[in-house]
């Protein structure tokens, strides 16, 4: 199974080291690191690791990392209105505004 994961170059190097320290095979990770370093030399940036996410992709990623509460009369900690579910103690509208304010440009 494959998945898209955003990593910094340092995180990739740390993952390679951890994989090898635990006896794992980091060949594919090393190939990716080499590809990224070559690309960075040619283009001045590591495009393979840091793809700019759209707002919706960013929000989807953050929702997946957040705790969702279900119930009745749950109060949003930002707008204090009542909802039947909250994401990280906030309603959908407040969560969206909060998360987009943390997104790097």
PDB file of N, CA and C in Angstrom:
ATOM      1  N   UNK A   1       0.856  -1.173   0.000  1.00  0.00           N
ATOM      2  CA  UNK A   1       0.000   0.000   0.000  1.00  0.00           C
ATOM      3  C   UNK A   1       0.900   1.233   0.000  1.00  0.00           C
ATOM      4  N   UNK A   2       0.520   2.241  -0.746  1.00  0.00           N
ATOM      5  CA  UNK A   2       1.301   3.466  -0.789  1.00  0.00           C
ATOM      6  C   UNK A   2       0.451   4.624  -0.285  1.00  0.00           C
ATOM      7  N   UNK A   3       1.150   5.644   0.186  1.00  0.00           N
ATOM      8  CA  UNK A   3       0.475   6.839   0.680  1.00  0.00           C
ATOM      9  C   UNK A   3       1.380   8.037   0.442  1.00  0.00           C
ATOM     10  N   UNK A   4       0.789   9.203   0.312  1.00  0.00           N
ATOM     11  CA  UNK A   4       1.562  10.431   0.189  1.00  0.00           C
ATOM     12  C   UNK A   4       1.792  10.985   1.584  1.00  0.00           C
ATOM     13  N   UNK A   5       3.060  11.236   1.885  1.00  0.00           N
ATOM     14  CA  UNK A   5       3.423  11.771   3.189  1.00  0.00           C
ATOM     15  C   UNK A   5       4.384  12.929   2.953  1.00  0.00           C
ATOM     16  N   UNK A   6       4.123  14.029   3.578  1.00  0.00           N
ATOM     17  CA  UNK A   6       5.013  15.181   3.464  1.00  0.00           C
ATOM     18  C   UNK A   6       6.076  15.090   4.544  1.00  0.00           C
ATOM     19  N   UNK A   7       7.335  15.139   4.127  1.00  0.00           N
ATOM     20  CA  UNK A   7       8.455  15.101   5.057  1.00  0.00           C
ATOM     21  C   UNK A   7       9.443  16.195   4.689  1.00  0.00           C
ATOM     22  N   UNK A   8      10.087  16.742   5.697  1.00  0.00           N
ATOM     23  CA  UNK A   8      11.198  17.635   5.425  1.00  0.00           C
ATOM     24  C   UNK A   8      12.419  16.766   5.140  1.00  0.00           C
ATOM     25  N   UNK A   9      13.453  17.364   4.622  1.00  0.00           N
ATOM     26  CA  UNK A   9      14.676  16.597   4.340  1.00  0.00           C
ATOM     27  C   UNK A   9      15.237  16.017   5.630  1.00  0.00           C
ATOM     28  N   UNK A  10      15.218  16.792   6.706  1.00  0.00           N
ATOM     29  CA  UNK A  10      15.718  16.309   7.996  1.00  0.00           C
ATOM     30  C   UNK A  10      14.893  15.121   8.486  1.00  0.00           C
ATOM     31  N   UNK A  11      13.569  15.202   8.349  1.00  0.00           N
ATOM     32  CA  UNK A  11      12.707  14.091   8.768  1.00  0.00           C
ATOM     33  C   UNK A  11      12.999  12.836   7.954  1.00  0.00           C
ATOM     34  N   UNK A  12      13.276  13.007   6.660  1.00  0.00           N
ATOM     35  CA  UNK A  12      13.609  11.863   5.814  1.00  0.00           C
ATOM     36  C   UNK A  12      14.926  11.236   6.261  1.00  0.00           C
ATOM     37  N   UNK A  13      15.916  12.054   6.550  1.00  0.00           N
ATOM     38  CA  UNK A  13      17.207  11.547   7.025  1.00  0.00           C
ATOM     39  C   UNK A  13      17.029  10.825   8.356  1.00  0.00           C
ATOM     40  N   UNK A  14      16.246  11.414   9.261  1.00  0.00           N
ATOM     41  CA  UNK A  14      15.977  10.765  10.558  1.00  0.00           C
ATOM     42  C   UNK A  14      15.279   9.422  10.367  1.00  0.00           C
ATOM     43  N   UNK A  15      14.341   9.351   9.435  1.00  0.00           N
ATOM     44  CA  UNK A  15      13.622   8.106   9.156  1.00  0.00           C
ATOM     45  C   UNK A  15      14.571   7.042   8.600  1.00  0.00           C
ATOM     46  N   UNK A  16      15.480   7.452   7.734  1.00  0.00           N
ATOM     47  CA  UNK A  16      16.482   6.523   7.195  1.00  0.00           C
ATOM     48  C   UNK A  16      17.338   5.972   8.327  1.00  0.00           C
ATOM     49  N   UNK A  17      17.832   6.869   9.191  1.00  0.00           N
ATOM     50  CA  UNK A  17      18.679   6.435  10.306  1.00  0.00           C
ATOM     51  C   UNK A  17      17.931   5.502  11.242  1.00  0.00           C
ATOM     52  N   UNK A  18      16.699   5.830  11.576  1.00  0.00           N
ATOM     53  CA  UNK A  18      15.908   4.997  12.480  1.00  0.00           C
ATOM     54  C   UNK A  18      15.639   3.626  11.857  1.00  0.00           C
ATOM     55  N   UNK A  19      15.329   3.614  10.569  1.00  0.00           N
ATOM     56  CA  UNK A  19      15.064   2.349   9.876  1.00  0.00           C
ATOM     57  C   UNK A  19      16.296   1.460   9.905  1.00  0.00           C
ATOM     58  N   UNK A  20      17.454   2.046   9.635  1.00  0.00           N
ATOM     59  CA  UNK A  20      18.685   1.257   9.620  1.00  0.00           C
ATOM     60  C   UNK A  20      19.107   0.823  11.022  1.00  0.00           C
ATOM     61  N   UNK A  21      18.885   1.667  12.021  1.00  0.00           N
ATOM     62  CA  UNK A  21      19.233   1.310  13.402  1.00  0.00           C
ATOM     63  C   UNK A  21      18.419   0.134  13.907  1.00  0.00           C
ATOM     64  N   UNK A  22      17.204  -0.001  13.413  1.00  0.00           N
ATOM     65  CA  UNK A  22      16.350  -1.106  13.858  1.00  0.00           C
ATOM     66  C   UNK A  22      16.460  -2.316  12.936  1.00  0.00           C
ATOM     67  N   UNK A  23      17.460  -2.293  12.045  1.00  0.00           N
ATOM     68  CA  UNK A  23      17.703  -3.445  11.181  1.00  0.00           C
ATOM     69  C   UNK A  23      16.881  -3.471   9.912  1.00  0.00           C
ATOM     70  N   UNK A  24      16.207  -2.382   9.595  1.00  0.00           N
ATOM     71  CA  UNK A  24      15.367  -2.332   8.402  1.00  0.00           C
ATOM     72  C   UNK A  24      16.147  -1.950   7.155  1.00  0.00           C
ATOM     73  N   UNK A  25      15.513  -2.084   6.018  1.00  0.00           N
ATOM     74  CA  UNK A  25      16.111  -1.757   4.729  1.00  0.00           C
ATOM     75  C   UNK A  25      15.619  -0.376   4.299  1.00  0.00           C
ATOM     76  N   UNK A  26      16.534   0.583   4.231  1.00  0.00           N
ATOM     77  CA  UNK A  26      16.175   1.955   3.880  1.00  0.00           C
ATOM     78  C   UNK A  26      16.600   2.305   2.456  1.00  0.00           C
ATOM     79  N   UNK A  27      16.749   1.299   1.606  1.00  0.00           N
ATOM     80  CA  UNK A  27      17.217   1.521   0.236  1.00  0.00           C
ATOM     81  C   UNK A  27      16.315   2.495  -0.522  1.00  0.00           C
ATOM     82  N   UNK A  28      15.015   2.268  -0.472  1.00  0.00           N
ATOM     83  CA  UNK A  28      14.096   3.146  -1.205  1.00  0.00           C
ATOM     84  C   UNK A  28      14.097   4.559  -0.627  1.00  0.00           C
ATOM     85  N   UNK A  29      14.236   4.664   0.684  1.00  0.00           N
ATOM     86  CA  UNK A  29      14.290   5.992   1.300  1.00  0.00           C
ATOM     87  C   UNK A  29      15.561   6.717   0.878  1.00  0.00           C
ATOM     88  N   UNK A  30      16.678   5.991   0.806  1.00  0.00           N
ATOM     89  CA  UNK A  30      17.940   6.593   0.363  1.00  0.00           C
ATOM     90  C   UNK A  30      17.844   7.044  -1.099  1.00  0.00           C
ATOM     91  N   UNK A  31      17.161   6.252  -1.924  1.00  0.00           N
ATOM     92  CA  UNK A  31      16.962   6.637  -3.324  1.00  0.00           C
ATOM     93  C   UNK A  31      16.128   7.911  -3.419  1.00  0.00           C
ATOM     94  N   UNK A  32      15.109   8.016  -2.582  1.00  0.00           N
ATOM     95  CA  UNK A  32      14.286   9.225  -2.560  1.00  0.00           C
ATOM     96  C   UNK A  32      15.115  10.426  -2.121  1.00  0.00           C
ATOM     97  N   UNK A  33      15.951  10.234  -1.094  1.00  0.00           N
ATOM     98  CA  UNK A  33      16.805  11.320  -0.614  1.00  0.00           C
ATOM     99  C   UNK A  33      17.752  11.776  -1.720  1.00  0.00           C
ATOM    100  N   UNK A  34      18.337  10.834  -2.438  1.00  0.00           N
ATOM    101  CA  UNK A  34      19.237  11.174  -3.540  1.00  0.00           C
ATOM    102  C   UNK A  34      18.485  11.941  -4.629  1.00  0.00           C
ATOM    103  N   UNK A  35      17.288  11.486  -4.948  1.00  0.00           N
ATOM    104  CA  UNK A  35      16.459  12.160  -5.943  1.00  0.00           C
ATOM    105  C   UNK A  35      16.145  13.593  -5.506  1.00  0.00           C
ATOM    106  N   UNK A  36      15.811  13.757  -4.251  1.00  0.00           N
ATOM    107  CA  UNK A  36      15.486  15.083  -3.716  1.00  0.00           C
ATOM    108  C   UNK A  36      16.705  15.987  -3.743  1.00  0.00           C
ATOM    109  N   UNK A  37      17.855  15.458  -3.339  1.00  0.00           N
ATOM    110  CA  UNK A  37      19.069  16.275  -3.328  1.00  0.00           C
ATOM    111  C   UNK A  37      19.464  16.690  -4.741  1.00  0.00           C
ATOM    112  N   UNK A  38      19.361  15.766  -5.699  1.00  0.00           N
ATOM    113  CA  UNK A  38      19.674  16.101  -7.093  1.00  0.00           C
ATOM    114  C   UNK A  38      18.704  17.149  -7.625  1.00  0.00           C
ATOM    115  N   UNK A  39      17.431  16.990  -7.318  1.00  0.00           N
ATOM    116  CA  UNK A  39      16.421  17.946  -7.760  1.00  0.00           C
ATOM    117  C   UNK A  39      16.654  19.314  -7.127  1.00  0.00           C
ATOM    118  N   UNK A  40      17.032  19.319  -5.856  1.00  0.00           N
ATOM    119  CA  UNK A  40      17.282  20.580  -5.154  1.00  0.00           C
ATOM    120  C   UNK A  40      18.474  21.302  -5.771  1.00  0.00           C
ATOM    121  N   UNK A  41      19.488  20.550  -6.171  1.00  0.00           N
ATOM    122  CA  UNK A  41      20.655  21.165  -6.804  1.00  0.00           C
ATOM    123  C   UNK A  41      20.287  21.763  -8.155  1.00  0.00           C
ATOM    124  N   UNK A  42      19.411  21.073  -8.884  1.00  0.00           N
ATOM    125  CA  UNK A  42      19.029  21.550 -10.209  1.00  0.00           C
ATOM    126  C   UNK A  42      18.024  22.695 -10.158  1.00  0.00           C
ATOM    127  N   UNK A  43      17.095  22.638  -9.205  1.00  0.00           N
ATOM    128  CA  UNK A  43      16.013  23.626  -9.164  1.00  0.00           C
ATOM    129  C   UNK A  43      16.051  24.534  -7.942  1.00  0.00           C
ATOM    130  N   UNK A  44      16.939  24.288  -7.016  1.00  0.00           N
ATOM    131  CA  UNK A  44      17.053  25.130  -5.842  1.00  0.00           C
ATOM    132  C   UNK A  44      16.017  24.880  -4.773  1.00  0.00           C
ATOM    133  N   UNK A  45      15.223  23.815  -4.881  1.00  0.00           N
ATOM    134  CA  UNK A  45      14.203  23.494  -3.870  1.00  0.00           C
ATOM    135  C   UNK A  45      13.931  22.003  -3.906  1.00  0.00           C
ATOM    136  N   UNK A  46      13.415  21.477  -2.794  1.00  0.00           N
ATOM    137  CA  UNK A  46      13.100  20.047  -2.722  1.00  0.00           C
ATOM    138  C   UNK A  46      11.620  19.835  -3.009  1.00  0.00           C
ATOM    139  N   UNK A  47      11.269  19.812  -4.280  1.00  0.00           N
ATOM    140  CA  UNK A  47       9.874  19.697  -4.707  1.00  0.00           C
ATOM    141  C   UNK A  47       9.257  18.347  -4.395  1.00  0.00           C
ATOM    142  N   UNK A  48      10.050  17.295  -4.301  1.00  0.00           N
ATOM    143  CA  UNK A  48       9.495  15.961  -4.085  1.00  0.00           C
ATOM    144  C   UNK A  48       8.970  15.784  -2.666  1.00  0.00           C
ATOM    145  N   UNK A  49       9.516  16.525  -1.712  1.00  0.00           N
ATOM    146  CA  UNK A  49       9.088  16.347  -0.329  1.00  0.00           C
ATOM    147  C   UNK A  49       7.994  17.316   0.078  1.00  0.00           C
ATOM    148  N   UNK A  50       8.062  18.540  -0.392  1.00  0.00           N
ATOM    149  CA  UNK A  50       7.110  19.540   0.073  1.00  0.00           C
ATOM    150  C   UNK A  50       6.243  20.027  -1.075  1.00  0.00           C
ATOM    151  N   UNK A  51       5.154  19.335  -1.296  1.00  0.00           N
ATOM    152  CA  UNK A  51       4.186  19.749  -2.299  1.00  0.00           C
ATOM    153  C   UNK A  51       3.213  20.702  -1.610  1.00  0.00           C
ATOM    154  N   UNK A  52       2.951  21.820  -2.240  1.00  0.00           N
ATOM    155  CA  UNK A  52       2.027  22.786  -1.654  1.00  0.00           C
ATOM    156  C   UNK A  52       0.609  22.232  -1.721  1.00  0.00           C
ATOM    157  N   UNK A  53      -0.035  22.133  -0.572  1.00  0.00           N
ATOM    158  CA  UNK A  53      -1.390  21.594  -0.495  1.00  0.00           C
ATOM    159  C   UNK A  53      -2.417  22.695  -0.708  1.00  0.00           C
ATOM    160  N   UNK A  54      -3.528  22.341  -1.347  1.00  0.00           N
ATOM    161  CA  UNK A  54      -4.640  23.282  -1.453  1.00  0.00           C
ATOM    162  C   UNK A  54      -5.269  23.415  -0.068  1.00  0.00           C
ATOM    163  N   UNK A  55      -6.112  24.417   0.107  1.00  0.00           N
ATOM    164  CA  UNK A  55      -6.779  24.601   1.402  1.00  0.00           C
ATOM    165  C   UNK A  55      -7.566  23.357   1.790  1.00  0.00           C
ATOM    166  N   UNK A  56      -8.287  22.778   0.831  1.00  0.00           N
ATOM    167  CA  UNK A  56      -9.113  21.602   1.136  1.00  0.00           C
ATOM    168  C   UNK A  56      -8.258  20.392   1.502  1.00  0.00           C
ATOM    169  N   UNK A  57      -7.126  20.199   0.804  1.00  0.00           N
ATOM    170  CA  UNK A  57      -6.223  19.091   1.140  1.00  0.00           C
ATOM    171  C   UNK A  57      -5.635  19.293   2.529  1.00  0.00           C
ATOM    172  N   UNK A  58      -5.268  20.532   2.835  1.00  0.00           N
ATOM    173  CA  UNK A  58      -4.710  20.854   4.146  1.00  0.00           C
ATOM    174  C   UNK A  58      -5.738  20.593   5.245  1.00  0.00           C
ATOM    175  N   UNK A  59      -6.972  21.039   5.025  1.00  0.00           N
ATOM    176  CA  UNK A  59      -8.030  20.820   6.017  1.00  0.00           C
ATOM    177  C   UNK A  59      -8.322  19.333   6.196  1.00  0.00           C
ATOM    178  N   UNK A  60      -8.318  18.579   5.114  1.00  0.00           N
ATOM    179  CA  UNK A  60      -8.551  17.134   5.198  1.00  0.00           C
ATOM    180  C   UNK A  60      -7.458  16.469   6.031  1.00  0.00           C
ATOM    181  N   UNK A  61      -6.215  16.882   5.807  1.00  0.00           N
ATOM    182  CA  UNK A  61      -5.095  16.340   6.583  1.00  0.00           C
ATOM    183  C   UNK A  61      -5.253  16.670   8.067  1.00  0.00           C
ATOM    184  N   UNK A  62      -5.611  17.903   8.374  1.00  0.00           N
ATOM    185  CA  UNK A  62      -5.768  18.329   9.770  1.00  0.00           C
ATOM    186  C   UNK A  62      -6.966  17.652  10.436  1.00  0.00           C
ATOM    187  N   UNK A  63      -8.060  17.460   9.686  1.00  0.00           N
ATOM    188  CA  UNK A  63      -9.215  16.738  10.243  1.00  0.00           C
ATOM    189  C   UNK A  63      -8.814  15.319  10.625  1.00  0.00           C
ATOM    190  N   UNK A  64      -8.006  14.686   9.780  1.00  0.00           N
ATOM    191  CA  UNK A  64      -7.549  13.326  10.047  1.00  0.00           C
ATOM    192  C   UNK A  64      -6.674  13.231  11.282  1.00  0.00           C
ATOM    193  N   UNK A  65      -6.023  14.318  11.642  1.00  0.00           N
ATOM    194  CA  UNK A  65      -5.155  14.349  12.818  1.00  0.00           C
ATOM    195  C   UNK A  65      -5.899  14.807  14.072  1.00  0.00           C
ATOM    196  N   UNK A  66      -7.151  15.163  13.938  1.00  0.00           N
ATOM    197  CA  UNK A  66      -7.909  15.761  15.039  1.00  0.00           C
ATOM    198  C   UNK A  66      -8.895  14.786  15.663  1.00  0.00           C
ATOM    199  N   UNK A  67      -9.238  15.060  16.906  1.00  0.00           N
ATOM    200  CA  UNK A  67     -10.238  14.276  17.635  1.00  0.00           C
ATOM    201  C   UNK A  67     -11.630  14.825  17.306  1.00  0.00           C
ATOM    202  N   UNK A  68     -12.544  13.935  16.945  1.00  0.00           N
ATOM    203  CA  UNK A  68     -13.922  14.337  16.637  1.00  0.00           C
ATOM    204  C   UNK A  68     -14.829  13.833  17.749  1.00  0.00           C
ATOM    205  N   UNK A  69     -15.601  14.752  18.323  1.00  0.00           N
ATOM    206  CA  UNK A  69     -16.559  14.406  19.385  1.00  0.00           C
ATOM    207  C   UNK A  69     -17.962  14.375  18.786  1.00  0.00           C
ATOM    208  N   UNK A  70     -18.736  13.376  19.161  1.00  0.00           N
ATOM    209  CA  UNK A  70     -20.132  13.279  18.725  1.00  0.00           C
ATOM    210  C   UNK A  70     -21.020  13.300  19.958  1.00  0.00           C
ATOM    211  N   UNK A  71     -22.145  13.961  19.855  1.00  0.00           N
ATOM    212  CA  UNK A  71     -23.078  14.035  20.972  1.00  0.00           C
ATOM    213  C   UNK A  71     -24.165  15.049  20.674  1.00  0.00           C
ATOM    214  N   UNK A  72     -24.800  15.515  21.718  1.00  0.00           N
ATOM    215  CA  UNK A  72     -25.818  16.548  21.550  1.00  0.00           C
ATOM    216  C   UNK A  72     -25.432  17.743  22.399  1.00  0.00           C
ATOM    217  N   UNK A  73     -25.737  18.915  21.909  1.00  0.00           N
ATOM    218  CA  UNK A  73     -25.450  20.163  22.620  1.00  0.00           C
ATOM    219  C   UNK A  73     -23.974  20.320  22.985  1.00  0.00           C
ATOM    220  N   UNK A  74     -23.093  19.964  22.061  1.00  0.00           N
ATOM    221  CA  UNK A  74     -21.662  20.187  22.273  1.00  0.00           C
ATOM    222  C   UNK A  74     -21.353  21.634  21.918  1.00  0.00           C
ATOM    223  N   UNK A  75     -20.625  22.323  22.775  1.00  0.00           N
ATOM    224  CA  UNK A  75     -20.372  23.747  22.586  1.00  0.00           C
ATOM    225  C   UNK A  75     -19.005  23.988  21.960  1.00  0.00           C
ATOM    226  N   UNK A  76     -18.994  24.747  20.883  1.00  0.00           N
ATOM    227  CA  UNK A  76     -17.749  25.142  20.228  1.00  0.00           C
ATOM    228  C   UNK A  76     -16.988  26.076  21.161  1.00  0.00           C
ATOM    229  N   UNK A  77     -15.704  25.818  21.355  1.00  0.00           N
ATOM    230  CA  UNK A  77     -14.925  26.636  22.283  1.00  0.00           C
ATOM    231  C   UNK A  77     -14.604  28.020  21.720  1.00  0.00           C
ATOM    232  N   UNK A  78     -14.855  28.238  20.431  1.00  0.00           N
ATOM    233  CA  UNK A  78     -14.567  29.542  19.839  1.00  0.00           C
ATOM    234  C   UNK A  78     -15.825  30.396  19.726  1.00  0.00           C
ATOM    235  N   UNK A  79     -16.864  29.878  19.053  1.00  0.00           N
ATOM    236  CA  UNK A  79     -18.074  30.684  18.843  1.00  0.00           C
ATOM    237  C   UNK A  79     -19.153  30.412  19.897  1.00  0.00           C
ATOM    238  N   UNK A  80     -18.992  29.377  20.703  1.00  0.00           N
ATOM    239  CA  UNK A  80     -19.895  29.000  21.805  1.00  0.00           C
ATOM    240  C   UNK A  80     -21.299  28.604  21.364  1.00  0.00           C
ATOM    241  N   UNK A  81     -21.470  28.268  20.084  1.00  0.00           N
ATOM    242  CA  UNK A  81     -22.757  27.744  19.630  1.00  0.00           C
ATOM    243  C   UNK A  81     -22.782  26.238  19.859  1.00  0.00           C
ATOM    244  N   UNK A  82     -23.971  25.653  19.809  1.00  0.00           N
ATOM    245  CA  UNK A  82     -24.154  24.219  20.075  1.00  0.00           C
ATOM    246  C   UNK A  82     -24.191  23.424  18.765  1.00  0.00           C
ATOM    247  N   UNK A  83     -23.565  22.234  18.782  1.00  0.00           N
ATOM    248  CA  UNK A  83     -23.490  21.369  17.604  1.00  0.00           C
ATOM    249  C   UNK A  83     -23.591  19.915  18.030  1.00  0.00           C
ATOM    250  N   UNK A  84     -23.821  19.023  17.044  1.00  0.00           N
ATOM    251  CA  UNK A  84     -23.893  17.597  17.364  1.00  0.00           C
ATOM    252  C   UNK A  84     -22.544  16.899  17.197  1.00  0.00           C
ATOM    253  N   UNK A  85     -21.557  17.595  16.626  1.00  0.00           N
ATOM    254  CA  UNK A  85     -20.194  17.065  16.604  1.00  0.00           C
ATOM    255  C   UNK A  85     -19.209  18.234  16.569  1.00  0.00           C
ATOM    256  N   UNK A  86     -18.041  18.003  17.127  1.00  0.00           N
ATOM    257  CA  UNK A  86     -16.985  19.011  17.154  1.00  0.00           C
ATOM    258  C   UNK A  86     -15.678  18.377  16.690  1.00  0.00           C
ATOM    259  N   UNK A  87     -14.843  19.163  16.063  1.00  0.00           N
ATOM    260  CA  UNK A  87     -13.509  18.730  15.663  1.00  0.00           C
ATOM    261  C   UNK A  87     -12.526  19.501  16.532  1.00  0.00           C
ATOM    262  N   UNK A  88     -11.775  18.788  17.356  1.00  0.00           N
ATOM    263  CA  UNK A  88     -10.851  19.433  18.297  1.00  0.00           C
ATOM    264  C   UNK A  88     -11.560  20.533  19.084  1.00  0.00           C
ATOM    265  N   UNK A  89     -12.746  20.229  19.557  1.00  0.00           N
ATOM    266  CA  UNK A  89     -13.570  21.125  20.386  1.00  0.00           C
ATOM    267  C   UNK A  89     -14.075  22.363  19.654  1.00  0.00           C
ATOM    268  N   UNK A  90     -14.067  22.337  18.313  1.00  0.00           N
ATOM    269  CA  UNK A  90     -14.566  23.473  17.540  1.00  0.00           C
ATOM    270  C   UNK A  90     -15.552  22.993  16.479  1.00  0.00           C
ATOM    271  N   UNK A  91     -16.442  23.888  16.059  1.00  0.00           N
ATOM    272  CA  UNK A  91     -17.380  23.561  14.982  1.00  0.00           C
ATOM    273  C   UNK A  91     -16.632  23.591  13.647  1.00  0.00           C
ATOM    274  N   UNK A  92     -17.291  23.151  12.589  1.00  0.00           N
ATOM    275  CA  UNK A  92     -16.669  23.095  11.253  1.00  0.00           C
ATOM    276  C   UNK A  92     -16.153  24.467  10.804  1.00  0.00           C
ATOM    277  N   UNK A  93     -16.972  25.498  10.977  1.00  0.00           N
ATOM    278  CA  UNK A  93     -16.600  26.837  10.514  1.00  0.00           C
ATOM    279  C   UNK A  93     -15.395  27.364  11.289  1.00  0.00           C
ATOM    280  N   UNK A  94     -15.427  27.236  12.599  1.00  0.00           N
ATOM    281  CA  UNK A  94     -14.316  27.721  13.420  1.00  0.00           C
ATOM    282  C   UNK A  94     -13.057  26.890  13.200  1.00  0.00           C
ATOM    283  N   UNK A  95     -13.221  25.564  13.043  1.00  0.00           N
ATOM    284  CA  UNK A  95     -12.076  24.692  12.778  1.00  0.00           C
ATOM    285  C   UNK A  95     -11.395  25.114  11.479  1.00  0.00           C
ATOM    286  N   UNK A  96     -12.206  25.376  10.459  1.00  0.00           N
ATOM    287  CA  UNK A  96     -11.664  25.787   9.158  1.00  0.00           C
ATOM    288  C   UNK A  96     -10.854  27.079   9.290  1.00  0.00           C
ATOM    289  N   UNK A  97     -11.437  28.074   9.942  1.00  0.00           N
ATOM    290  CA  UNK A  97     -10.736  29.337  10.124  1.00  0.00           C
ATOM    291  C   UNK A  97      -9.467  29.192  10.937  1.00  0.00           C
ATOM    292  N   UNK A  98      -9.544  28.389  11.987  1.00  0.00           N
ATOM    293  CA  UNK A  98      -8.405  28.161  12.871  1.00  0.00           C
ATOM    294  C   UNK A  98      -7.280  27.454  12.115  1.00  0.00           C
ATOM    295  N   UNK A  99      -7.603  26.376  11.413  1.00  0.00           N
ATOM    296  CA  UNK A  99      -6.572  25.605  10.720  1.00  0.00           C
ATOM    297  C   UNK A  99      -5.965  26.380   9.559  1.00  0.00           C
ATOM    298  N   UNK A 100      -6.786  27.104   8.820  1.00  0.00           N
ATOM    299  CA  UNK A 100      -6.234  27.876   7.705  1.00  0.00           C
ATOM    300  C   UNK A 100      -5.330  28.997   8.202  1.00  0.00           C
ATOM    301  N   UNK A 101      -5.568  29.471   9.428  1.00  0.00           N
ATOM    302  CA  UNK A 101      -4.681  30.500   9.985  1.00  0.00           C
ATOM    303  C   UNK A 101      -3.317  29.922  10.356  1.00  0.00           C
ATOM    304  N   UNK A 102      -3.218  28.593  10.466  1.00  0.00           N
ATOM    305  CA  UNK A 102      -1.935  27.957  10.799  1.00  0.00           C
ATOM    306  C   UNK A 102      -1.189  27.482   9.560  1.00  0.00           C
ATOM    307  N   UNK A 103      -1.830  27.562   8.397  1.00  0.00           N
ATOM    308  CA  UNK A 103      -1.213  27.077   7.158  1.00  0.00           C
ATOM    309  C   UNK A 103      -0.145  28.056   6.698  1.00  0.00           C
ATOM    310  N   UNK A 104       1.012  27.507   6.388  1.00  0.00           N
ATOM    311  CA  UNK A 104       2.094  28.352   5.879  1.00  0.00           C
ATOM    312  C   UNK A 104       1.839  28.693   4.422  1.00  0.00           C
ATOM    313  N   UNK A 105       2.129  29.901   4.058  1.00  0.00           N
ATOM    314  CA  UNK A 105       1.905  30.352   2.668  1.00  0.00           C
ATOM    315  C   UNK A 105       2.972  29.841   1.746  1.00  0.00           C
TER     316      UNK A 105
END
